[in-house]
N, C-alpha and C. Protein backbone atom coordinates (compact mmCIF):
# COMPACT_ATOMS: atom_id res chain seq x y z
N UNK A 1 -20.05 42.77 3.83
CA UNK A 1 -20.08 40.95 4.21
C UNK A 1 -18.51 40.41 3.30
N UNK A 2 -18.06 39.62 4.32
CA UNK A 2 -16.46 39.16 3.86
C UNK A 2 -16.96 37.93 2.80
N UNK A 3 -15.97 37.88 1.90
CA UNK A 3 -15.97 36.91 1.13
C UNK A 3 -15.36 35.73 1.72
N UNK A 4 -15.79 34.42 1.40
CA UNK A 4 -15.36 33.19 2.17
C UNK A 4 -13.99 32.90 1.00
N UNK A 5 -12.95 32.27 1.57
CA UNK A 5 -11.78 31.99 0.70
C UNK A 5 -12.14 30.42 0.11
N UNK A 6 -11.89 29.96 -0.91
CA UNK A 6 -12.05 28.75 -1.31
C UNK A 6 -10.63 27.92 -0.97
N UNK A 7 -10.74 26.93 -0.45
CA UNK A 7 -9.74 26.11 -0.13
C UNK A 7 -9.40 25.18 -1.23
N UNK A 8 -8.23 25.08 -1.88
CA UNK A 8 -7.78 24.01 -2.83
C UNK A 8 -7.27 22.82 -2.18
N UNK A 9 -7.64 21.80 -2.72
CA UNK A 9 -7.42 20.46 -2.22
C UNK A 9 -6.14 19.98 -2.94
N UNK A 10 -4.92 19.63 -1.68
CA UNK A 10 -3.79 19.66 -2.30
C UNK A 10 -3.65 18.12 -2.85
N UNK A 11 -3.14 17.77 -4.06
CA UNK A 11 -2.80 16.70 -4.46
C UNK A 11 -1.55 15.99 -3.82
N UNK A 12 -1.70 14.89 -3.24
CA UNK A 12 -0.42 14.23 -2.59
C UNK A 12 0.30 13.15 -3.40
N UNK A 13 -0.03 13.49 -4.85
CA UNK A 13 0.86 12.64 -5.83
C UNK A 13 1.95 13.31 -5.95
N UNK A 14 2.94 12.85 -6.03
CA UNK A 14 4.52 13.35 -6.46
C UNK A 14 4.63 13.48 -7.89
N UNK A 15 3.77 12.74 -8.51
CA UNK A 15 4.12 12.44 -9.88
C UNK A 15 2.55 12.25 -10.67
N UNK A 16 2.42 12.49 -11.78
CA UNK A 16 1.10 12.11 -12.08
C UNK A 16 0.72 11.14 -12.54
N UNK A 17 1.52 9.99 -12.73
CA UNK A 17 1.14 8.75 -13.27
C UNK A 17 1.63 7.78 -11.71
N UNK A 18 1.60 8.57 -10.49
CA UNK A 18 1.74 7.53 -9.48
C UNK A 18 0.86 6.86 -8.91
N UNK A 19 0.95 5.82 -8.48
CA UNK A 19 0.07 4.86 -7.96
C UNK A 19 -0.07 4.70 -6.36
N UNK A 20 -1.13 4.45 -5.95
CA UNK A 20 -1.45 4.36 -4.59
C UNK A 20 -1.56 2.78 -4.54
N UNK A 21 -0.53 2.27 -3.47
CA UNK A 21 -0.93 0.71 -3.28
C UNK A 21 -1.11 0.67 -1.81
N UNK A 22 -2.10 -0.61 -1.80
CA UNK A 22 -2.59 -0.82 -0.59
C UNK A 22 -1.43 -1.77 0.16
N UNK A 23 -1.37 -1.50 1.63
CA UNK A 23 -0.41 -2.08 2.53
C UNK A 23 -1.19 -3.21 2.96
N UNK A 24 -0.67 -4.75 2.84
CA UNK A 24 -1.48 -5.79 3.05
C UNK A 24 -0.10 -6.66 4.21
N UNK A 25 -0.80 -7.29 5.14
CA UNK A 25 -0.02 -7.97 6.10
C UNK A 25 0.36 -9.50 5.36
N UNK A 26 0.94 -10.23 6.12
CA UNK A 26 1.49 -11.80 5.48
C UNK A 26 0.37 -12.65 5.60
N UNK A 27 -0.58 -12.28 6.27
CA UNK A 27 -1.98 -13.21 6.14
C UNK A 27 -2.86 -13.08 4.59
N UNK A 28 -2.59 -11.83 4.23
CA UNK A 28 -3.21 -11.60 2.91
C UNK A 28 -2.41 -12.28 1.93
N UNK A 29 -1.04 -12.12 2.12
CA UNK A 29 0.00 -12.65 1.14
C UNK A 29 0.03 -14.27 1.19
N UNK A 30 -0.32 -14.70 2.31
CA UNK A 30 -0.17 -16.33 2.33
C UNK A 30 -1.73 -16.64 1.57
N UNK A 31 -2.75 -16.08 1.55
CA UNK A 31 -3.82 -16.89 0.81
C UNK A 31 -4.11 -16.08 -0.80
N UNK A 32 -3.19 -15.16 -1.21
CA UNK A 32 -3.17 -14.73 -2.35
C UNK A 32 -3.15 -15.64 -3.64
N UNK A 33 -3.65 -15.66 -4.57
CA UNK A 33 -3.87 -16.41 -5.81
C UNK A 33 -2.58 -16.05 -6.68
N UNK A 34 -2.29 -14.97 -6.79
CA UNK A 34 -1.18 -14.62 -7.50
C UNK A 34 -0.19 -14.14 -6.86
N UNK A 35 0.68 -15.07 -6.17
CA UNK A 35 1.74 -14.52 -5.34
C UNK A 35 2.90 -13.97 -6.03
N UNK A 36 3.27 -12.68 -5.59
CA UNK A 36 4.45 -12.27 -6.13
C UNK A 36 5.79 -12.47 -5.72
N UNK A 37 6.99 -12.02 -6.19
CA UNK A 37 8.13 -12.16 -5.40
C UNK A 37 8.19 -11.27 -4.10
N UNK A 38 7.72 -10.17 -4.13
CA UNK A 38 7.87 -9.14 -2.84
C UNK A 38 7.00 -9.88 -1.71
N UNK A 39 5.84 -10.58 -1.91
CA UNK A 39 5.06 -11.01 -0.86
C UNK A 39 5.54 -12.29 -0.36
N UNK A 40 6.39 -13.27 -1.23
CA UNK A 40 6.86 -14.44 -0.76
C UNK A 40 8.23 -14.16 0.17
N UNK A 41 8.68 -13.02 -0.41
CA UNK A 41 10.30 -12.71 0.53
C UNK A 41 9.54 -12.03 1.79
N UNK A 42 8.24 -11.29 2.01
CA UNK A 42 7.73 -10.88 3.09
C UNK A 42 7.49 -11.98 3.96
N UNK A 43 6.77 -12.89 3.20
CA UNK A 43 6.20 -14.17 3.93
C UNK A 43 7.18 -14.92 4.56
N UNK A 44 8.39 -15.12 3.83
CA UNK A 44 9.63 -15.85 4.19
C UNK A 44 10.14 -14.89 5.62
N UNK A 45 10.29 -13.86 5.56
CA UNK A 45 10.80 -12.73 6.61
C UNK A 45 10.01 -13.08 7.92
N UNK A 46 8.51 -12.80 7.78
CA UNK A 46 7.82 -13.00 8.92
C UNK A 46 7.61 -14.12 9.61
N UNK A 47 8.09 -15.35 8.81
CA UNK A 47 7.99 -16.73 9.13
C UNK A 47 9.08 -16.91 10.24
N UNK A 48 9.96 -16.00 10.47
CA UNK A 48 10.97 -16.26 11.44
C UNK A 48 10.72 -15.68 12.68
N UNK A 49 10.71 -16.30 14.02
CA UNK A 49 10.27 -16.06 15.20
C UNK A 49 10.80 -14.72 15.67
N UNK A 50 9.81 -13.90 16.20
CA UNK A 50 10.35 -12.56 16.86
C UNK A 50 10.23 -11.35 15.82
N UNK A 51 9.86 -11.76 14.66
CA UNK A 51 9.72 -10.31 13.82
C UNK A 51 8.59 -9.77 13.61
N UNK A 52 8.81 -8.46 13.58
CA UNK A 52 7.44 -7.61 13.46
C UNK A 52 7.28 -6.77 12.34
N UNK A 53 6.16 -6.97 11.64
CA UNK A 53 5.97 -6.70 10.26
C UNK A 53 4.64 -5.60 10.32
N UNK A 54 4.85 -4.29 9.31
CA UNK A 54 4.25 -3.39 9.15
C UNK A 54 3.37 -3.52 7.76
N UNK A 55 3.73 -4.55 7.14
CA UNK A 55 2.93 -4.90 5.84
C UNK A 55 3.84 -4.48 4.68
N UNK A 56 3.50 -4.87 3.63
CA UNK A 56 4.04 -4.81 2.13
C UNK A 56 3.31 -4.11 1.39
N UNK A 57 3.74 -3.21 0.19
CA UNK A 57 2.95 -2.69 -0.73
C UNK A 57 2.74 -3.80 -1.78
N UNK A 58 1.37 -4.09 -1.96
CA UNK A 58 0.83 -4.96 -2.94
C UNK A 58 0.48 -4.59 -4.34
N UNK A 59 0.89 -5.12 -5.17
CA UNK A 59 0.89 -4.34 -6.61
C UNK A 59 -0.40 -4.92 -7.07
N UNK A 60 -0.88 -6.00 -6.40
CA UNK A 60 -2.01 -6.53 -7.41
C UNK A 60 -3.58 -5.95 -6.93
N UNK A 61 -3.38 -5.11 -5.65
CA UNK A 61 -4.46 -4.45 -5.17
C UNK A 61 -4.20 -3.20 -5.03
N UNK A 62 -4.13 -2.63 -6.52
CA UNK A 62 -4.18 -1.01 -6.59
C UNK A 62 -5.35 -0.21 -6.24
N UNK A 63 -5.26 0.70 -5.69
CA UNK A 63 -5.96 1.58 -5.31
C UNK A 63 -6.73 2.40 -6.44
N UNK A 64 -8.10 2.58 -6.87
CA UNK A 64 -8.42 3.40 -7.88
C UNK A 64 -8.48 4.73 -7.48
N UNK A 65 -7.66 5.49 -8.05
CA UNK A 65 -7.29 7.23 -8.22
C UNK A 65 -7.96 7.69 -9.22
């Protein structure tokens, strides 16, 4: 009978204190109660016509890891 190999789960963190931040869109930044400088800059950038945004990392909505 063959033994099954245990597969170790890889840790995607590059550093032990690295945090995972959620990516939020401009609509989330617009209704946020604590608007940060990064979010306000993203809102200003997205208010220009023809801009396409993929979101911005939000320091206020940290993922629990």
